[in-house]
Amino acid sequence: LTKLADKYSSAIIAIRHLTKGGSLKPIYRGLGSIDFTASARSVLLAGCDPDELAVRGI
């Protein structure tokens, strides 16, 4: 993906869904391999505050 982004001067955006196992840290809750998260330049996680579900953030 890095080579494609460089070749076409573009950004790669990957969207992942998290598993429902709330006991793990969010970085480990992505479905599939952690390799995508580990190799990314930046990762944004959207979600709600576990103590106040009406509060959401990135």
PDB file of N, CA and C in Angstrom:
ATOM      1  N   LEU A   1       0.812  -1.195   0.000  1.00  0.00           N
ATOM      2  CA  LEU A   1       0.000   0.000   0.000  1.00  0.00           C
ATOM      3  C   LEU A   1       0.858   1.264   0.000  1.00  0.00           C
ATOM      4  N   THR A   2       1.986   1.197   0.684  1.00  0.00           N
ATOM      5  CA  THR A   2       2.875   2.358   0.721  1.00  0.00           C
ATOM      6  C   THR A   2       3.383   2.696  -0.673  1.00  0.00           C
ATOM      7  N   LYS A   3       3.743   1.682  -1.445  1.00  0.00           N
ATOM      8  CA  LYS A   3       4.240   1.915  -2.805  1.00  0.00           C
ATOM      9  C   LYS A   3       3.160   2.535  -3.687  1.00  0.00           C
ATOM     10  N   LEU A   4       1.917   2.064  -3.549  1.00  0.00           N
ATOM     11  CA  LEU A   4       0.813   2.640  -4.324  1.00  0.00           C
ATOM     12  C   LEU A   4       0.587   4.100  -3.952  1.00  0.00           C
ATOM     13  N   ALA A   5       0.597   4.390  -2.670  1.00  0.00           N
ATOM     14  CA  ALA A   5       0.395   5.766  -2.218  1.00  0.00           C
ATOM     15  C   ALA A   5       1.502   6.672  -2.747  1.00  0.00           C
ATOM     16  N   ASP A   6       2.736   6.198  -2.711  1.00  0.00           N
ATOM     17  CA  ASP A   6       3.859   6.986  -3.232  1.00  0.00           C
ATOM     18  C   ASP A   6       3.738   7.190  -4.739  1.00  0.00           C
ATOM     19  N   LYS A   7       3.415   6.129  -5.448  1.00  0.00           N
ATOM     20  CA  LYS A   7       3.334   6.193  -6.909  1.00  0.00           C
ATOM     21  C   LYS A   7       2.277   7.192  -7.375  1.00  0.00           C
ATOM     22  N   TYR A   8       1.132   7.212  -6.706  1.00  0.00           N
ATOM     23  CA  TYR A   8       0.024   8.064  -7.121  1.00  0.00           C
ATOM     24  C   TYR A   8      -0.141   9.310  -6.245  1.00  0.00           C
ATOM     25  N   SER A   9       0.843   9.585  -5.396  1.00  0.00           N
ATOM     26  CA  SER A   9       0.801  10.752  -4.496  1.00  0.00           C
ATOM     27  C   SER A   9      -0.551  10.856  -3.796  1.00  0.00           C
ATOM     28  N   SER A  10      -0.926   9.778  -3.163  1.00  0.00           N
ATOM     29  CA  SER A  10      -2.231   9.737  -2.508  1.00  0.00           C
ATOM     30  C   SER A  10      -2.118   9.153  -1.104  1.00  0.00           C
ATOM     31  N   ALA A  11      -3.195   9.223  -0.383  1.00  0.00           N
ATOM     32  CA  ALA A  11      -3.257   8.672   0.972  1.00  0.00           C
ATOM     33  C   ALA A  11      -4.117   7.416   0.964  1.00  0.00           C
ATOM     34  N   ILE A  12      -3.791   6.496   1.816  1.00  0.00           N
ATOM     35  CA  ILE A  12      -4.579   5.277   1.980  1.00  0.00           C
ATOM     36  C   ILE A  12      -5.361   5.411   3.279  1.00  0.00           C
ATOM     37  N   ILE A  13      -6.656   5.239   3.198  1.00  0.00           N
ATOM     38  CA  ILE A  13      -7.501   5.273   4.392  1.00  0.00           C
ATOM     39  C   ILE A  13      -8.101   3.885   4.566  1.00  0.00           C
ATOM     40  N   ALA A  14      -7.855   3.285   5.703  1.00  0.00           N
ATOM     41  CA  ALA A  14      -8.408   1.965   6.019  1.00  0.00           C
ATOM     42  C   ALA A  14      -9.384   2.122   7.175  1.00  0.00           C
ATOM     43  N   ILE A  15     -10.544   1.523   7.043  1.00  0.00           N
ATOM     44  CA  ILE A  15     -11.546   1.571   8.101  1.00  0.00           C
ATOM     45  C   ILE A  15     -11.680   0.175   8.677  1.00  0.00           C
ATOM     46  N   ARG A  16     -11.546   0.087   9.995  1.00  0.00           N
ATOM     47  CA  ARG A  16     -11.627  -1.211  10.672  1.00  0.00           C
ATOM     48  C   ARG A  16     -12.707  -1.157  11.730  1.00  0.00           C
ATOM     49  N   HIS A  17     -13.309  -2.282  11.964  1.00  0.00           N
ATOM     50  CA  HIS A  17     -14.297  -2.406  13.029  1.00  0.00           C
ATOM     51  C   HIS A  17     -13.651  -3.102  14.215  1.00  0.00           C
ATOM     52  N   LEU A  18     -14.046  -2.721  15.408  1.00  0.00           N
ATOM     53  CA  LEU A  18     -13.498  -3.319  16.616  1.00  0.00           C
ATOM     54  C   LEU A  18     -14.353  -4.492  17.072  1.00  0.00           C
ATOM     55  N   THR A  19     -13.705  -5.440  17.728  1.00  0.00           N
ATOM     56  CA  THR A  19     -14.443  -6.541  18.335  1.00  0.00           C
ATOM     57  C   THR A  19     -15.185  -6.014  19.554  1.00  0.00           C
ATOM     58  N   LYS A  20     -16.120  -6.792  20.054  1.00  0.00           N
ATOM     59  CA  LYS A  20     -16.916  -6.340  21.190  1.00  0.00           C
ATOM     60  C   LYS A  20     -16.257  -6.616  22.524  1.00  0.00           C
ATOM     61  N   GLY A  21     -15.106  -7.260  22.542  1.00  0.00           N
ATOM     62  CA  GLY A  21     -14.419  -7.558  23.795  1.00  0.00           C
ATOM     63  C   GLY A  21     -13.853  -6.304  24.418  1.00  0.00           C
ATOM     64  N   GLY A  22     -14.600  -5.653  25.260  1.00  0.00           N
ATOM     65  CA  GLY A  22     -14.197  -4.380  25.831  1.00  0.00           C
ATOM     66  C   GLY A  22     -13.053  -4.466  26.820  1.00  0.00           C
ATOM     67  N   SER A  23     -12.621  -5.677  27.183  1.00  0.00           N
ATOM     68  CA  SER A  23     -11.563  -5.797  28.185  1.00  0.00           C
ATOM     69  C   SER A  23     -10.173  -5.546  27.599  1.00  0.00           C
ATOM     70  N   LEU A  24     -10.034  -5.646  26.295  1.00  0.00           N
ATOM     71  CA  LEU A  24      -8.743  -5.403  25.650  1.00  0.00           C
ATOM     72  C   LEU A  24      -8.567  -3.927  25.331  1.00  0.00           C
ATOM     73  N   LYS A  25      -7.315  -3.504  25.196  1.00  0.00           N
ATOM     74  CA  LYS A  25      -7.035  -2.141  24.754  1.00  0.00           C
ATOM     75  C   LYS A  25      -7.549  -1.995  23.323  1.00  0.00           C
ATOM     76  N   PRO A  26      -8.073  -0.822  22.954  1.00  0.00           N
ATOM     77  CA  PRO A  26      -8.627  -0.639  21.609  1.00  0.00           C
ATOM     78  C   PRO A  26      -7.659  -0.999  20.484  1.00  0.00           C
ATOM     79  N   ILE A  27      -6.349  -0.777  20.657  1.00  0.00           N
ATOM     80  CA  ILE A  27      -5.394  -1.088  19.586  1.00  0.00           C
ATOM     81  C   ILE A  27      -5.397  -2.577  19.244  1.00  0.00           C
ATOM     82  N   TYR A  28      -5.758  -3.428  20.201  1.00  0.00           N
ATOM     83  CA  TYR A  28      -5.780  -4.871  19.977  1.00  0.00           C
ATOM     84  C   TYR A  28      -7.161  -5.385  19.602  1.00  0.00           C
ATOM     85  N   ARG A  29      -8.163  -4.513  19.548  1.00  0.00           N
ATOM     86  CA  ARG A  29      -9.523  -4.953  19.285  1.00  0.00           C
ATOM     87  C   ARG A  29      -9.927  -4.872  17.821  1.00  0.00           C
ATOM     88  N   GLY A  30      -9.038  -4.440  16.929  1.00  0.00           N
ATOM     89  CA  GLY A  30      -9.372  -4.385  15.516  1.00  0.00           C
ATOM     90  C   GLY A  30      -9.519  -5.787  14.945  1.00  0.00           C
ATOM     91  N   LEU A  31     -10.517  -5.967  14.099  1.00  0.00           N
ATOM     92  CA  LEU A  31     -10.698  -7.274  13.472  1.00  0.00           C
ATOM     93  C   LEU A  31      -9.547  -7.526  12.508  1.00  0.00           C
ATOM     94  N   GLY A  32      -9.004  -8.707  12.526  1.00  0.00           N
ATOM     95  CA  GLY A  32      -7.879  -9.041  11.666  1.00  0.00           C
ATOM     96  C   GLY A  32      -6.553  -8.768  12.340  1.00  0.00           C
ATOM     97  N   SER A  33      -5.541  -8.587  11.539  1.00  0.00           N
ATOM     98  CA  SER A  33      -4.174  -8.446  12.033  1.00  0.00           C
ATOM     99  C   SER A  33      -3.894  -7.054  12.590  1.00  0.00           C
ATOM    100  N   ILE A  34      -3.049  -6.987  13.605  1.00  0.00           N
ATOM    101  CA  ILE A  34      -2.602  -5.695  14.159  1.00  0.00           C
ATOM    102  C   ILE A  34      -1.578  -5.034  13.226  1.00  0.00           C
ATOM    103  N   ASP A  35      -1.126  -5.755  12.204  1.00  0.00           N
ATOM    104  CA  ASP A  35      -0.125  -5.216  11.276  1.00  0.00           C
ATOM    105  C   ASP A  35      -0.573  -3.903  10.638  1.00  0.00           C
ATOM    106  N   PHE A  36      -1.851  -3.780  10.307  1.00  0.00           N
ATOM    107  CA  PHE A  36      -2.330  -2.543   9.683  1.00  0.00           C
ATOM    108  C   PHE A  36      -2.176  -1.366  10.642  1.00  0.00           C
ATOM    109  N   THR A  37      -2.551  -1.573  11.885  1.00  0.00           N
ATOM    110  CA  THR A  37      -2.425  -0.509  12.884  1.00  0.00           C
ATOM    111  C   THR A  37      -0.963  -0.204  13.163  1.00  0.00           C
ATOM    112  N   ALA A  38      -0.140  -1.236  13.261  1.00  0.00           N
ATOM    113  CA  ALA A  38       1.276  -1.055  13.589  1.00  0.00           C
ATOM    114  C   ALA A  38       2.035  -0.330  12.475  1.00  0.00           C
ATOM    115  N   SER A  39       1.629  -0.513  11.223  1.00  0.00           N
ATOM    116  CA  SER A  39       2.364   0.094  10.112  1.00  0.00           C
ATOM    117  C   SER A  39       1.832   1.470   9.719  1.00  0.00           C
ATOM    118  N   ALA A  40       0.705   1.866  10.263  1.00  0.00           N
ATOM    119  CA  ALA A  40       0.107   3.151   9.888  1.00  0.00           C
ATOM    120  C   ALA A  40       0.879   4.321  10.488  1.00  0.00           C
ATOM    121  N   ARG A  41       0.920   5.417   9.747  1.00  0.00           N
ATOM    122  CA  ARG A  41       1.561   6.634  10.245  1.00  0.00           C
ATOM    123  C   ARG A  41       0.720   7.263  11.349  1.00  0.00           C
ATOM    124  N   SER A  42      -0.598   7.199  11.211  1.00  0.00           N
ATOM    125  CA  SER A  42      -1.480   7.689  12.271  1.00  0.00           C
ATOM    126  C   SER A  42      -2.758   6.857  12.272  1.00  0.00           C
ATOM    127  N   VAL A  43      -3.344   6.737  13.438  1.00  0.00           N
ATOM    128  CA  VAL A  43      -4.574   5.964  13.614  1.00  0.00           C
ATOM    129  C   VAL A  43      -5.532   6.805  14.444  1.00  0.00           C
ATOM    130  N   LEU A  44      -6.770   6.923  13.981  1.00  0.00           N
ATOM    131  CA  LEU A  44      -7.808   7.618  14.735  1.00  0.00           C
ATOM    132  C   LEU A  44      -8.841   6.593  15.171  1.00  0.00           C
ATOM    133  N   LEU A  45      -9.296   6.715  16.386  1.00  0.00           N
ATOM    134  CA  LEU A  45     -10.305   5.806  16.919  1.00  0.00           C
ATOM    135  C   LEU A  45     -11.485   6.635  17.389  1.00  0.00           C
ATOM    136  N   ALA A  46     -12.654   6.345  16.854  1.00  0.00           N
ATOM    137  CA  ALA A  46     -13.872   7.038  17.282  1.00  0.00           C
ATOM    138  C   ALA A  46     -14.630   6.122  18.223  1.00  0.00           C
ATOM    139  N   GLY A  47     -15.177   6.704  19.261  1.00  0.00           N
ATOM    140  CA  GLY A  47     -15.934   5.883  20.190  1.00  0.00           C
ATOM    141  C   GLY A  47     -16.589   6.703  21.273  1.00  0.00           C
ATOM    142  N   CYS A  48     -17.207   6.002  22.217  1.00  0.00           N
ATOM    143  CA  CYS A  48     -17.856   6.690  23.329  1.00  0.00           C
ATOM    144  C   CYS A  48     -17.105   6.454  24.623  1.00  0.00           C
ATOM    145  N   ASP A  49     -17.305   7.377  25.519  1.00  0.00           N
ATOM    146  CA  ASP A  49     -16.708   7.301  26.851  1.00  0.00           C
ATOM    147  C   ASP A  49     -17.387   6.155  27.602  1.00  0.00           C
ATOM    148  N   PRO A  50     -16.632   5.162  28.072  1.00  0.00           N
ATOM    149  CA  PRO A  50     -17.256   4.020  28.750  1.00  0.00           C
ATOM    150  C   PRO A  50     -17.989   4.405  30.033  1.00  0.00           C
ATOM    151  N   ASP A  51     -17.618   5.535  30.622  1.00  0.00           N
ATOM    152  CA  ASP A  51     -18.286   5.979  31.847  1.00  0.00           C
ATOM    153  C   ASP A  51     -19.517   6.835  31.572  1.00  0.00           C
ATOM    154  N   GLU A  52     -19.585   7.414  30.374  1.00  0.00           N
ATOM    155  CA  GLU A  52     -20.715   8.265  30.007  1.00  0.00           C
ATOM    156  C   GLU A  52     -20.994   8.058  28.520  1.00  0.00           C
ATOM    157  N   LEU A  53     -21.861   7.109  28.195  1.00  0.00           N
ATOM    158  CA  LEU A  53     -22.077   6.676  26.817  1.00  0.00           C
ATOM    159  C   LEU A  53     -22.582   7.773  25.885  1.00  0.00           C
ATOM    160  N   ALA A  54     -23.146   8.843  26.412  1.00  0.00           N
ATOM    161  CA  ALA A  54     -23.614   9.939  25.567  1.00  0.00           C
ATOM    162  C   ALA A  54     -22.455  10.792  25.060  1.00  0.00           C
ATOM    163  N   VAL A  55     -21.280  10.656  25.640  1.00  0.00           N
ATOM    164  CA  VAL A  55     -20.103  11.432  25.232  1.00  0.00           C
ATOM    165  C   VAL A  55     -19.303  10.616  24.231  1.00  0.00           C
ATOM    166  N   ARG A  56     -19.054  11.206  23.071  1.00  0.00           N
ATOM    167  CA  ARG A  56     -18.306  10.527  22.011  1.00  0.00           C
ATOM    168  C   ARG A  56     -17.136  11.393  21.582  1.00  0.00           C
ATOM    169  N   GLY A  57     -16.154  10.761  20.998  1.00  0.00           N
ATOM    170  CA  GLY A  57     -14.997  11.535  20.569  1.00  0.00           C
ATOM    171  C   GLY A  57     -14.092  10.748  19.645  1.00  0.00           C
ATOM    172  N   ILE A  58     -13.053  11.417  19.143  1.00  0.00           N
ATOM    173  CA  ILE A  58     -12.049  10.797  18.270  1.00  0.00           C
ATOM    174  C   ILE A  58     -10.719  10.853  18.989  1.00  0.00           C
TER     175      ILE A  58
END
